[in-house]
């Protein structure tokens, strides 16, 4: 995932979509709120 200057590598061995709860945890680890992520789209 790349958004502005933030780059997060997300391993996905299942080759499908990621569950939103996992995405939220990854964003939290990156110090990004859901609101900030959504507003940057």
Foldseek 3Di string as FASTA:
>chain_A
DDFDPDDDDDDDPPPDDDDVVVVCVSCVVVVHHPVNVVVRD
